[in-house]
C-alpha atoms as a PDB file:
ATOM      1  CA  MET A   1     -29.839  23.613  -8.837  1.00  0.00           C
ATOM      2  CA  ASN A   2     -31.351  21.971  -5.753  1.00  0.00           C
ATOM      3  CA  ASN A   3     -29.386  21.834  -2.538  1.00  0.00           C
ATOM      4  CA  PHE A   4     -27.228  18.778  -1.929  1.00  0.00           C
ATOM      5  CA  SER A   5     -28.873  16.999   0.987  1.00  0.00           C
ATOM      6  CA  TRP A   6     -26.778  15.323   3.670  1.00  0.00           C
ATOM      7  CA  GLY A   7     -27.539  12.589   6.139  1.00  0.00           C
ATOM      8  CA  ILE A   8     -25.223  12.520   9.161  1.00  0.00           C
ATOM      9  CA  LEU A   9     -24.499   9.078  10.596  1.00  0.00           C
ATOM     10  CA  GLY A  10     -23.143   9.587  14.088  1.00  0.00           C
ATOM     11  CA  THR A  11     -23.436  12.531  16.451  1.00  0.00           C
ATOM     12  CA  GLY A  12     -19.926  13.008  17.855  1.00  0.00           C
ATOM     13  CA  GLY A  13     -17.657  16.025  17.766  1.00  0.00           C
ATOM     14  CA  ILE A  14     -16.454  15.583  14.188  1.00  0.00           C
ATOM     15  CA  ALA A  15     -20.049  15.323  12.956  1.00  0.00           C
ATOM     16  CA  ALA A  16     -20.867  18.622  14.670  1.00  0.00           C
ATOM     17  CA  ALA A  17     -17.741  20.243  13.186  1.00  0.00           C
ATOM     18  CA  PHE A  18     -18.735  19.049   9.708  1.00  0.00           C
ATOM     19  CA  VAL A  19     -22.256  20.444  10.018  1.00  0.00           C
ATOM     20  CA  ASN A  20     -20.980  23.750  11.429  1.00  0.00           C
ATOM     21  CA  ASP A  21     -18.529  24.168   8.553  1.00  0.00           C
ATOM     22  CA  LEU A  22     -21.282  23.632   5.978  1.00  0.00           C
ATOM     23  CA  ALA A  23     -22.751  26.916   7.226  1.00  0.00           C
ATOM     24  CA  HIS A  24     -19.941  28.727   5.351  1.00  0.00           C
ATOM     25  CA  ILE A  25     -21.298  27.639   1.955  1.00  0.00           C
ATOM     26  CA  SER A  26     -24.593  27.616   0.095  1.00  0.00           C
ATOM     27  CA  GLY A  27     -26.081  24.683  -1.782  1.00  0.00           C
ATOM     28  CA  HIS A  28     -25.688  22.138   1.017  1.00  0.00           C
ATOM     29  CA  GLU A  29     -28.129  21.201   3.756  1.00  0.00           C
ATOM     30  CA  VAL A  30     -28.429  18.591   6.482  1.00  0.00           C
ATOM     31  CA  VAL A  31     -31.794  16.866   6.158  1.00  0.00           C
ATOM     32  CA  ALA A  32     -31.355  13.881   8.476  1.00  0.00           C
ATOM     33  CA  VAL A  33     -29.274  12.729  11.433  1.00  0.00           C
ATOM     34  CA  GLY A  34     -29.033   9.171  12.709  1.00  0.00           C
ATOM     35  CA  SER A  35     -27.888   7.867  16.068  1.00  0.00           C
ATOM     36  CA  ARG A  36     -28.315   4.699  18.081  1.00  0.00           C
ATOM     37  CA  SER A  37     -30.183   6.967  20.512  1.00  0.00           C
ATOM     38  CA  LEU A  38     -33.160   8.977  19.278  1.00  0.00           C
ATOM     39  CA  SER A  39     -32.628  11.496  22.067  1.00  0.00           C
ATOM     40  CA  LYS A  40     -29.048  12.123  20.902  1.00  0.00           C
ATOM     41  CA  ALA A  41     -30.221  12.578  17.323  1.00  0.00           C
ATOM     42  CA  LYS A  42     -32.931  15.015  18.438  1.00  0.00           C
ATOM     43  CA  ASN A  43     -30.435  16.950  20.513  1.00  0.00           C
ATOM     44  CA  PHE A  44     -28.044  17.133  17.547  1.00  0.00           C
ATOM     45  CA  ILE A  45     -30.629  18.612  15.170  1.00  0.00           C
ATOM     46  CA  THR A  46     -31.511  21.498  17.483  1.00  0.00           C
ATOM     47  CA  ALA A  47     -28.908  23.449  15.521  1.00  0.00           C
ATOM     48  CA  THR A  48     -30.119  22.164  12.119  1.00  0.00           C
ATOM     49  CA  PRO A  49     -33.719  23.319  11.605  1.00  0.00           C
ATOM     50  CA  GLY A  50     -35.763  21.106   9.291  1.00  0.00           C
ATOM     51  CA  ALA A  51     -33.617  17.996   9.747  1.00  0.00           C
ATOM     52  CA  THR A  52     -35.188  14.698  10.753  1.00  0.00           C
ATOM     53  CA  ALA A  53     -33.825  12.774  13.735  1.00  0.00           C
ATOM     54  CA  TYR A  54     -33.621   8.992  13.562  1.00  0.00           C
ATOM     55  CA  GLY A  55     -32.971   6.578  16.412  1.00  0.00           C
ATOM     56  CA  SER A  56     -31.271   4.057  14.136  1.00  0.00           C
ATOM     57  CA  TYR A  57     -28.758   4.177  11.317  1.00  0.00           C
ATOM     58  CA  SER A  58     -30.904   1.972   9.088  1.00  0.00           C
ATOM     59  CA  GLU A  59     -33.710   4.544   9.165  1.00  0.00           C
ATOM     60  CA  LEU A  60     -31.262   7.278   8.231  1.00  0.00           C
ATOM     61  CA  VAL A  61     -29.887   5.535   5.145  1.00  0.00           C
ATOM     62  CA  ALA A  62     -33.432   4.696   3.987  1.00  0.00           C
ATOM     63  CA  ASP A  63     -34.462   8.374   3.925  1.00  0.00           C
ATOM     64  CA  ALA A  64     -35.249   9.233   0.295  1.00  0.00           C
ATOM     65  CA  LYS A  65     -34.361  12.905   0.865  1.00  0.00           C
ATOM     66  CA  VAL A  66     -30.700  12.086   1.564  1.00  0.00           C
ATOM     67  CA  ASN A  67     -28.284  12.541  -1.380  1.00  0.00           C
ATOM     68  CA  ALA A  68     -25.209  11.301   0.513  1.00  0.00           C
ATOM     69  CA  VAL A  69     -24.273  10.109   3.988  1.00  0.00           C
ATOM     70  CA  TYR A  70     -21.393  11.416   6.076  1.00  0.00           C
ATOM     71  CA  ILE A  71     -20.181   8.599   8.325  1.00  0.00           C
ATOM     72  CA  ALA A  72     -18.730   9.937  11.565  1.00  0.00           C
ATOM     73  CA  THR A  73     -18.839   6.957  13.911  1.00  0.00           C
ATOM     74  CA  PRO A  74     -15.783   5.471  15.714  1.00  0.00           C
ATOM     75  CA  HIS A  75     -13.072   3.810  13.612  1.00  0.00           C
ATOM     76  CA  PRO A  76     -14.099   0.137  13.864  1.00  0.00           C
ATOM     77  CA  MET A  77     -17.658   0.961  12.812  1.00  0.00           C
ATOM     78  CA  HIS A  78     -16.738   2.595   9.487  1.00  0.00           C
ATOM     79  CA  PHE A  79     -16.682  -0.752   7.696  1.00  0.00           C
ATOM     80  CA  ASP A  80     -20.173  -1.969   8.661  1.00  0.00           C
ATOM     81  CA  HIS A  81     -21.786   1.456   8.412  1.00  0.00           C
ATOM     82  CA  THR A  82     -20.290   2.121   4.995  1.00  0.00           C
ATOM     83  CA  LEU A  83     -21.430  -1.239   3.633  1.00  0.00           C
ATOM     84  CA  MET A  84     -24.931  -0.719   5.036  1.00  0.00           C
ATOM     85  CA  THR A  85     -25.170   2.719   3.431  1.00  0.00           C
ATOM     86  CA  LEU A  86     -23.774   1.625   0.072  1.00  0.00           C
ATOM     87  CA  ASN A  87     -26.147  -1.334  -0.025  1.00  0.00           C
ATOM     88  CA  ALA A  88     -28.980   1.137   0.517  1.00  0.00           C
ATOM     89  CA  GLY A  89     -27.849   2.918  -2.641  1.00  0.00           C
ATOM     90  CA  LYS A  90     -26.544   6.014  -0.867  1.00  0.00           C
ATOM     91  CA  PRO A  91     -23.168   7.636  -1.662  1.00  0.00           C
ATOM     92  CA  VAL A  92     -20.779   7.731   1.290  1.00  0.00           C
ATOM     93  CA  LEU A  93     -18.255  10.213   2.622  1.00  0.00           C
ATOM     94  CA  CYS A  94     -16.477   8.125   5.284  1.00  0.00           C
ATOM     95  CA  GLU A  95     -14.387   9.733   7.992  1.00  0.00           C
ATOM     96  CA  LYS A  96     -10.729   8.951   8.366  1.00  0.00           C
ATOM     97  CA  PRO A  97      -9.295   6.503   9.038  1.00  0.00           C
ATOM     98  CA  PHE A  98     -11.338   5.095   6.169  1.00  0.00           C
ATOM     99  CA  ALA A  99     -10.979   1.605   7.653  1.00  0.00           C
ATOM    100  CA  VAL A 100      -8.746  -0.248  10.087  1.00  0.00           C
ATOM    101  CA  SER A 101      -7.145  -2.482   7.436  1.00  0.00           C
ATOM    102  CA  THR A 102      -6.510  -2.760   3.726  1.00  0.00           C
ATOM    103  CA  PHE A 103      -8.881  -5.728   3.593  1.00  0.00           C
ATOM    104  CA  GLN A 104     -11.722  -3.638   4.976  1.00  0.00           C
ATOM    105  CA  ALA A 105     -10.928  -0.706   2.681  1.00  0.00           C
ATOM    106  CA  GLN A 106     -10.895  -2.918  -0.409  1.00  0.00           C
ATOM    107  CA  SER A 107     -14.191  -4.533   0.591  1.00  0.00           C
ATOM    108  CA  MET A 108     -15.780  -1.098   0.978  1.00  0.00           C
ATOM    109  CA  ILE A 109     -14.509  -0.023  -2.435  1.00  0.00           C
ATOM    110  CA  ASP A 110     -15.719  -3.260  -4.010  1.00  0.00           C
ATOM    111  CA  SER A 111     -19.178  -2.622  -2.561  1.00  0.00           C
ATOM    112  CA  ALA A 112     -19.258   0.915  -3.954  1.00  0.00           C
ATOM    113  CA  ARG A 113     -18.350  -0.418  -7.387  1.00  0.00           C
ATOM    114  CA  GLU A 114     -20.942  -3.207  -7.209  1.00  0.00           C
ATOM    115  CA  ASN A 115     -23.681  -0.834  -6.031  1.00  0.00           C
ATOM    116  CA  GLY A 116     -22.686   1.870  -8.500  1.00  0.00           C
ATOM    117  CA  VAL A 117     -22.576   4.627  -5.866  1.00  0.00           C
ATOM    118  CA  ALA A 118     -19.846   7.097  -4.937  1.00  0.00           C
ATOM    119  CA  LEU A 119     -17.494   6.467  -2.030  1.00  0.00           C
ATOM    120  CA  LEU A 120     -14.995   9.047  -0.787  1.00  0.00           C
ATOM    121  CA  GLU A 121     -12.527   8.980   2.059  1.00  0.00           C
ATOM    122  CA  ALA A 122     -13.065  12.007   4.250  1.00  0.00           C
ATOM    123  CA  MET A 123      -9.352  12.781   4.451  1.00  0.00           C
ATOM    124  CA  TRP A 124     -10.322  16.430   4.459  1.00  0.00           C
ATOM    125  CA  THR A 125      -6.754  17.671   4.034  1.00  0.00           C
ATOM    126  CA  ARG A 126      -6.657  16.408   0.454  1.00  0.00           C
ATOM    127  CA  TYR A 127      -9.498  18.746  -0.563  1.00  0.00           C
ATOM    128  CA  LEU A 128      -8.182  21.972   0.998  1.00  0.00           C
ATOM    129  CA  PRO A 129      -7.086  25.028  -1.051  1.00  0.00           C
ATOM    130  CA  HIS A 130      -3.552  25.140   0.391  1.00  0.00           C
ATOM    131  CA  ILE A 131      -3.051  21.494  -0.567  1.00  0.00           C
ATOM    132  CA  ALA A 132      -4.133  22.371  -4.098  1.00  0.00           C
ATOM    133  CA  THR A 133      -1.312  24.928  -4.008  1.00  0.00           C
ATOM    134  CA  VAL A 134       1.088  22.266  -2.703  1.00  0.00           C
ATOM    135  CA  ARG A 135       0.201  20.108  -5.700  1.00  0.00           C
ATOM    136  CA  GLU A 136       0.841  23.062  -8.039  1.00  0.00           C
ATOM    137  CA  ILE A 137       4.223  23.769  -6.448  1.00  0.00           C
ATOM    138  CA  LEU A 138       5.257  20.127  -6.803  1.00  0.00           C
ATOM    139  CA  ARG A 139       4.118  20.038 -10.451  1.00  0.00           C
ATOM    140  CA  SER A 140       6.033  23.243 -11.208  1.00  0.00           C
ATOM    141  CA  GLY A 141       9.358  21.625 -10.320  1.00  0.00           C
ATOM    142  CA  ILE A 142      10.663  24.715  -8.514  1.00  0.00           C
ATOM    143  CA  LEU A 143      11.793  22.583  -5.564  1.00  0.00           C
ATOM    144  CA  GLY A 144      13.723  20.216  -7.806  1.00  0.00           C
ATOM    145  CA  PRO A 145      13.776  16.453  -7.182  1.00  0.00           C
ATOM    146  CA  ILE A 146      12.262  15.832  -3.742  1.00  0.00           C
ATOM    147  CA  GLN A 147      14.738  14.337  -1.285  1.00  0.00           C
ATOM    148  CA  THR A 148      13.038  14.486   2.100  1.00  0.00           C
ATOM    149  CA  VAL A 149       9.558  14.906   3.523  1.00  0.00           C
ATOM    150  CA  GLU A 150       9.034  15.498   7.237  1.00  0.00           C
ATOM    151  CA  ALA A 151       5.594  15.583   8.858  1.00  0.00           C
ATOM    152  CA  ASP A 152       4.424  15.188  12.429  1.00  0.00           C
ATOM    153  CA  HIS A 153       1.165  15.228  14.328  1.00  0.00           C
ATOM    154  CA  GLY A 154       1.171  15.158  18.089  1.00  0.00           C
ATOM    155  CA  GLN A 155      -1.462  16.194  20.613  1.00  0.00           C
ATOM    156  CA  ARG A 156      -1.526  15.871  24.397  1.00  0.00           C
ATOM    157  CA  LEU A 157      -4.512  13.553  24.625  1.00  0.00           C
ATOM    158  CA  ALA A 158      -3.391  10.329  26.295  1.00  0.00           C
ATOM    159  CA  ASP A 159      -3.932  11.692  29.800  1.00  0.00           C
ATOM    160  CA  GLN A 160      -7.518  12.750  29.021  1.00  0.00           C
ATOM    161  CA  ASN A 161      -8.837   9.165  28.886  1.00  0.00           C
ATOM    162  CA  ILE A 162     -10.649   9.665  25.564  1.00  0.00           C
ATOM    163  CA  ALA A 163     -12.135   6.261  24.764  1.00  0.00           C
ATOM    164  CA  ARG A 164     -11.499   6.293  21.014  1.00  0.00           C
ATOM    165  CA  LEU A 165      -7.805   6.945  21.671  1.00  0.00           C
ATOM    166  CA  VAL A 166      -7.061   4.623  24.568  1.00  0.00           C
ATOM    167  CA  ASP A 167      -9.464   1.701  24.034  1.00  0.00           C
ATOM    168  CA  PRO A 168      -8.193  -1.176  21.841  1.00  0.00           C
ATOM    169  CA  SER A 169     -11.785  -2.207  21.078  1.00  0.00           C
ATOM    170  CA  LEU A 170     -12.272   1.215  19.424  1.00  0.00           C
ATOM    171  CA  ALA A 171      -9.033   0.888  17.404  1.00  0.00           C
ATOM    172  CA  GLY A 172      -7.356   3.348  19.724  1.00  0.00           C
ATOM    173  CA  GLY A 173      -3.837   4.698  19.586  1.00  0.00           C
ATOM    174  CA  ALA A 174      -2.024   7.571  17.923  1.00  0.00           C
ATOM    175  CA  LEU A 175      -1.465   5.866  14.574  1.00  0.00           C
ATOM    176  CA  LEU A 176      -4.995   5.647  13.196  1.00  0.00           C
ATOM    177  CA  ASP A 177      -6.351   8.806  14.802  1.00  0.00           C
ATOM    178  CA  LEU A 178      -3.417  11.208  14.393  1.00  0.00           C
ATOM    179  CA  GLY A 179      -0.767   9.450  12.327  1.00  0.00           C
ATOM    180  CA  ILE A 180      -3.111   9.094   9.374  1.00  0.00           C
ATOM    181  CA  TYR A 181      -2.419  12.768   8.554  1.00  0.00           C
ATOM    182  CA  PRO A 182       1.373  12.674   8.105  1.00  0.00           C
ATOM    183  CA  ILE A 183       1.141   9.272   6.410  1.00  0.00           C
ATOM    184  CA  SER A 184      -1.430  10.477   3.906  1.00  0.00           C
ATOM    185  CA  PHE A 185       0.614  13.647   3.321  1.00  0.00           C
ATOM    186  CA  VAL A 186       3.749  11.645   2.560  1.00  0.00           C
ATOM    187  CA  HIS A 187       1.789   9.542   0.076  1.00  0.00           C
ATOM    188  CA  LEU A 188       0.541  12.726  -1.590  1.00  0.00           C
ATOM    189  CA  VAL A 189       4.102  13.946  -2.107  1.00  0.00           C
ATOM    190  CA  LEU A 190       6.161  10.801  -2.718  1.00  0.00           C
ATOM    191  CA  GLY A 191       3.659   8.010  -3.281  1.00  0.00           C
ATOM    192  CA  GLU A 192       3.797   4.493  -1.890  1.00  0.00           C
ATOM    193  CA  PRO A 193       7.151   3.713  -0.234  1.00  0.00           C
ATOM    194  CA  ASP A 194       9.404   0.825  -1.168  1.00  0.00           C
ATOM    195  CA  ALA A 195      10.105   0.083   2.492  1.00  0.00           C
ATOM    196  CA  ILE A 196       9.015   1.246   5.941  1.00  0.00           C
ATOM    197  CA  THR A 197      10.840   1.077   9.265  1.00  0.00           C
ATOM    198  CA  ALA A 198       8.616   1.819  12.265  1.00  0.00           C
ATOM    199  CA  ARG A 199       8.983   1.936  16.039  1.00  0.00           C
ATOM    200  CA  ALA A 200       6.463   2.725  18.768  1.00  0.00           C
ATOM    201  CA  VAL A 201       5.892   3.248  22.459  1.00  0.00           C
ATOM    202  CA  MET A 202       2.834   1.287  23.555  1.00  0.00           C
ATOM    203  CA  THR A 203       0.409   2.011  26.367  1.00  0.00           C
ATOM    204  CA  ASN A 204      -0.404  -0.488  29.102  1.00  0.00           C
ATOM    205  CA  ARG A 205      -3.609  -1.245  27.178  1.00  0.00           C
ATOM    206  CA  GLY A 206      -1.721  -2.246  24.048  1.00  0.00           C
ATOM    207  CA  VAL A 207      -2.257   0.703  21.712  1.00  0.00           C
ATOM    208  CA  ASP A 208       0.481   3.008  20.458  1.00  0.00           C
ATOM    209  CA  ALA A 209       1.106   6.166  22.452  1.00  0.00           C
ATOM    210  CA  GLN A 210       3.802   7.309  20.015  1.00  0.00           C
ATOM    211  CA  THR A 211       4.911   5.983  16.645  1.00  0.00           C
ATOM    212  CA  SER A 212       7.709   7.081  14.329  1.00  0.00           C
ATOM    213  CA  ALA A 213       8.501   5.726  10.880  1.00  0.00           C
ATOM    214  CA  ILE A 214      10.935   6.204   8.015  1.00  0.00           C
ATOM    215  CA  PHE A 215       9.608   5.661   4.491  1.00  0.00           C
ATOM    216  CA  THR A 216      12.287   4.922   1.897  1.00  0.00           C
ATOM    217  CA  TYR A 217      12.037   5.102  -1.882  1.00  0.00           C
ATOM    218  CA  GLU A 218      13.956   3.545  -4.736  1.00  0.00           C
ATOM    219  CA  ASN A 219      15.068   6.963  -5.989  1.00  0.00           C
ATOM    220  CA  GLY A 220      16.766   7.689  -2.660  1.00  0.00           C
ATOM    221  CA  ALA A 221      14.064   9.909  -1.180  1.00  0.00           C
ATOM    222  CA  HIS A 222      13.161   9.558   2.500  1.00  0.00           C
ATOM    223  CA  ALA A 223      10.105  10.540   4.492  1.00  0.00           C
ATOM    224  CA  VAL A 224      10.100  10.829   8.277  1.00  0.00           C
ATOM    225  CA  ILE A 225       6.826  10.809  10.161  1.00  0.00           C
ATOM    226  CA  ASN A 226       6.028  11.001  13.839  1.00  0.00           C
ATOM    227  CA  THR A 227       2.739  10.808  15.668  1.00  0.00           C
ATOM    228  CA  THR A 228       2.073  10.939  19.364  1.00  0.00           C
ATOM    229  CA  MET A 229      -0.840  11.377  21.712  1.00  0.00           C
ATOM    230  CA  ILE A 230       1.458  12.132  24.660  1.00  0.00           C
ATOM    231  CA  ALA A 231       2.535  15.694  23.822  1.00  0.00           C
ATOM    232  CA  ARG A 232       1.690  18.587  21.527  1.00  0.00           C
ATOM    233  CA  THR A 233       4.286  18.702  18.742  1.00  0.00           C
ATOM    234  CA  PRO A 234       4.844  21.435  16.114  1.00  0.00           C
ATOM    235  CA  CYS A 235       2.483  19.678  13.645  1.00  0.00           C
ATOM    236  CA  ARG A 236       4.438  21.070  10.719  1.00  0.00           C
ATOM    237  CA  ALA A 237       5.432  19.558   7.380  1.00  0.00           C
ATOM    238  CA  VAL A 238       8.473  20.275   5.221  1.00  0.00           C
ATOM    239  CA  ILE A 239       9.108  19.113   1.661  1.00  0.00           C
ATOM    240  CA  SER A 240      12.785  19.494   0.744  1.00  0.00           C
ATOM    241  CA  GLY A 241      14.130  19.244  -2.785  1.00  0.00           C
ATOM    242  CA  LEU A 242      17.432  19.873  -4.533  1.00  0.00           C
ATOM    243  CA  LEU A 243      16.411  23.444  -5.432  1.00  0.00           C
ATOM    244  CA  GLY A 244      14.452  24.477  -2.354  1.00  0.00           C
ATOM    245  CA  ARG A 245      11.917  23.543   0.274  1.00  0.00           C
ATOM    246  CA  LEU A 246       8.252  24.086   1.112  1.00  0.00           C
ATOM    247  CA  GLU A 247       7.526  24.798   4.782  1.00  0.00           C
ATOM    248  CA  ILE A 248       3.926  24.282   5.911  1.00  0.00           C
ATOM    249  CA  GLU A 249       3.088  25.767   9.278  1.00  0.00           C
ATOM    250  CA  SER A 250       1.124  24.216  12.131  1.00  0.00           C
ATOM    251  CA  TYR A 251      -1.366  22.557  11.630  1.00  0.00           C
ATOM    252  CA  PHE A 252      -0.141  21.428   8.213  1.00  0.00           C
ATOM    253  CA  TYR A 253      -3.231  19.288   7.568  1.00  0.00           C
ATOM    254  CA  ALA A 254      -5.650  22.192   8.165  1.00  0.00           C
ATOM    255  CA  PRO A 255      -5.904  25.586   6.455  1.00  0.00           C
ATOM    256  CA  THR A 256      -2.620  27.300   7.294  1.00  0.00           C
ATOM    257  CA  SER A 257       0.183  29.478   5.956  1.00  0.00           C
ATOM    258  CA  MET A 258       3.261  28.210   4.145  1.00  0.00           C
ATOM    259  CA  ARG A 259       6.292  29.382   2.182  1.00  0.00           C
ATOM    260  CA  THR A 260       8.808  28.244  -0.364  1.00  0.00           C
ATOM    261  CA  VAL A 261      12.470  28.883   0.377  1.00  0.00           C
ATOM    262  CA  LEU A 262      14.615  28.370  -2.718  1.00  0.00           C
ATOM    263  CA  HIS A 263      18.326  27.646  -2.954  1.00  0.00           C
ATOM    264  CA  ASP A 264      18.955  31.086  -4.473  1.00  0.00           C
ATOM    265  CA  GLY A 265      17.430  32.796  -1.429  1.00  0.00           C
ATOM    266  CA  THR A 266      14.020  33.536  -2.945  1.00  0.00           C
ATOM    267  CA  ILE A 267      11.198  33.277  -0.383  1.00  0.00           C
ATOM    268  CA  THR A 268       7.541  33.228  -1.419  1.00  0.00           C
ATOM    269  CA  GLU A 269       4.883  33.475   1.287  1.00  0.00           C
ATOM    270  CA  TYR A 270       1.459  31.866   1.067  1.00  0.00           C
ATOM    271  CA  PRO A 271      -0.618  33.436   3.877  1.00  0.00           C
ATOM    272  CA  ASN A 272      -3.656  31.723   5.311  1.00  0.00           C
ATOM    273  CA  THR A 273      -6.854  33.571   4.393  1.00  0.00           C
ATOM    274  CA  TYR A 274      -9.258  30.680   4.876  1.00  0.00           C
ATOM    275  CA  LEU A 275     -12.301  31.131   7.102  1.00  0.00           C
ATOM    276  CA  GLY A 276     -13.718  28.185   8.987  1.00  0.00           C
ATOM    277  CA  HIS A 277     -12.604  24.665   9.771  1.00  0.00           C
ATOM    278  CA  GLY A 278     -12.146  23.295   6.251  1.00  0.00           C
ATOM    279  CA  LEU A 279     -14.383  20.227   6.427  1.00  0.00           C
ATOM    280  CA  ARG A 280     -16.771  21.769   3.911  1.00  0.00           C
ATOM    281  CA  GLU A 281     -14.324  21.281   1.042  1.00  0.00           C
ATOM    282  CA  GLN A 282     -14.839  17.517   1.102  1.00  0.00           C
ATOM    283  CA  ALA A 283     -18.606  18.105   1.029  1.00  0.00           C
ATOM    284  CA  ILE A 284     -18.213  20.289  -2.048  1.00  0.00           C
ATOM    285  CA  GLU A 285     -16.103  17.605  -3.714  1.00  0.00           C
ATOM    286  CA  MET A 286     -18.638  14.908  -2.820  1.00  0.00           C
ATOM    287  CA  ALA A 287     -21.479  16.832  -4.452  1.00  0.00           C
ATOM    288  CA  GLN A 288     -19.398  17.371  -7.594  1.00  0.00           C
ATOM    289  CA  VAL A 289     -18.512  13.672  -7.782  1.00  0.00           C
ATOM    290  CA  VAL A 290     -22.134  12.554  -7.348  1.00  0.00           C
ATOM    291  CA  ARG A 291     -23.519  15.061  -9.835  1.00  0.00           C
ATOM    292  CA  ALA A 292     -20.882  14.077 -12.387  1.00  0.00           C
ATOM    293  CA  GLY A 293     -21.885  10.424 -12.065  1.00  0.00           C
ATOM    294  CA  LEU A 294     -18.455   9.411 -10.760  1.00  0.00           C
ATOM    295  CA  LEU A 295     -17.727   6.802  -8.108  1.00  0.00           C
ATOM    296  CA  GLU A 296     -14.490   8.253  -6.703  1.00  0.00           C
ATOM    297  CA  SER A 297     -12.696  11.573  -6.418  1.00  0.00           C
ATOM    298  CA  PRO A 298      -9.583  12.410  -8.453  1.00  0.00           C
ATOM    299  CA  LEU A 299      -8.320  14.285  -5.371  1.00  0.00           C
ATOM    300  CA  MET A 300      -8.420  11.142  -3.213  1.00  0.00           C
ATOM    301  CA  PRO A 301      -8.949   8.172  -5.550  1.00  0.00           C
ATOM    302  CA  TRP A 302      -9.549   4.659  -4.270  1.00  0.00           C
ATOM    303  CA  SER A 303      -6.039   3.622  -5.301  1.00  0.00           C
ATOM    304  CA  GLU A 304      -4.621   6.233  -2.949  1.00  0.00           C
ATOM    305  CA  THR A 305      -6.834   5.132  -0.083  1.00  0.00           C
ATOM    306  CA  ILE A 306      -5.609   1.563  -0.530  1.00  0.00           C
ATOM    307  CA  SER A 307      -1.980   2.684  -0.782  1.00  0.00           C
ATOM    308  CA  VAL A 308      -2.228   4.602   2.499  1.00  0.00           C
ATOM    309  CA  MET A 309      -3.937   1.676   4.234  1.00  0.00           C
ATOM    310  CA  LYS A 310      -1.126  -0.654   3.093  1.00  0.00           C
ATOM    311  CA  SER A 311       1.407   1.603   4.800  1.00  0.00           C
ATOM    312  CA  ILE A 312      -0.677   1.666   7.967  1.00  0.00           C
ATOM    313  CA  ASP A 313      -0.975  -2.128   7.908  1.00  0.00           C
ATOM    314  CA  GLU A 314       2.803  -2.436   7.583  1.00  0.00           C
ATOM    315  CA  ILE A 315       3.415  -0.052  10.476  1.00  0.00           C
ATOM    316  CA  ARG A 316       0.881  -1.884  12.623  1.00  0.00           C
ATOM    317  CA  GLN A 317       2.566  -5.195  11.887  1.00  0.00           C
ATOM    318  CA  GLN A 318       5.976  -3.829  12.841  1.00  0.00           C
ATOM    319  CA  ILE A 319       4.865  -2.230  16.104  1.00  0.00           C
ATOM    320  CA  GLY A 320       2.520  -5.054  17.118  1.00  0.00           C
ATOM    321  CA  LEU A 321      -0.695  -3.004  17.080  1.00  0.00           C
ATOM    322  CA  LYS A 322      -3.587  -5.473  16.950  1.00  0.00           C
ATOM    323  CA  PHE A 323      -7.189  -4.960  17.950  1.00  0.00           C
ATOM    324  CA  PRO A 324      -9.399  -7.464  19.803  1.00  0.00           C
ATOM    325  CA  PHE A 325     -12.088  -7.484  17.089  1.00  0.00           C
ATOM    326  CA  GLU A 326      -9.599  -8.718  14.470  1.00  0.00           C
ATOM    327  CA  ASN A 327      -9.123 -12.408  13.734  1.00  0.00           C
END
């Protein structure tokens, strides 16, 4: 079978990490890179022999050699770049956060359906082997009815003046950049909440420096999430049920070790043996989806993307997080 050929839209750090992680697998190649600056695109492909550099995104998505496009531009640009790529007939793997609102996310999904091309959210955690094991543990019922989920993601970044985190015009703040991980994880375990209570500490530029939220469910389950760009937190996740708990070590959203601790004292360890970053797993899934003629992934279906975005919208409304490009 021919290699699956990638076009990379954007040349930032996450794009480089994605390309580097592809080196751990066969059957995938980067054939084109697009940037608003031809010099940046040329500089990017120095590590990807044979790839073509383009000085515009429109040239990239028009390249007939490209099987799918990985969109790695800043948050507010995901919407326009995804629509442009889908309208060019190219499948899209769009970085998280998929969009900045449910409205945008639904419009992107509608475009994928209308164009008949695949669209996946690059929430890379959902495609990782240890998360597949989490799903198996939950299906097995060994933890009993789930009562509480705790997940946090905090990094000391606010004092580094990183534009995408501090600038409202780039949809900055902890919530969309870091909080997307615990929120998506909670949705994986418990689904869409019945109610959310959220509080935040805002920066002097009007984005959230720290946000915490409680998700409540009709069956009595609770989820507690925290995200901050002020300090490095444990970045762990714990799923607690009537019969035991699953403890996922730092960083819970990346390849890591974990264990089950049951009520009867039984402990089962799941060591981390994964090599590399983990971004390649979403590339593998994308190729499988495209080759199967599907439009979405069963590991991160469109309905789940919309559900997560609804929770983010609700949190944003409660904490007063609004961006200048929004009406």
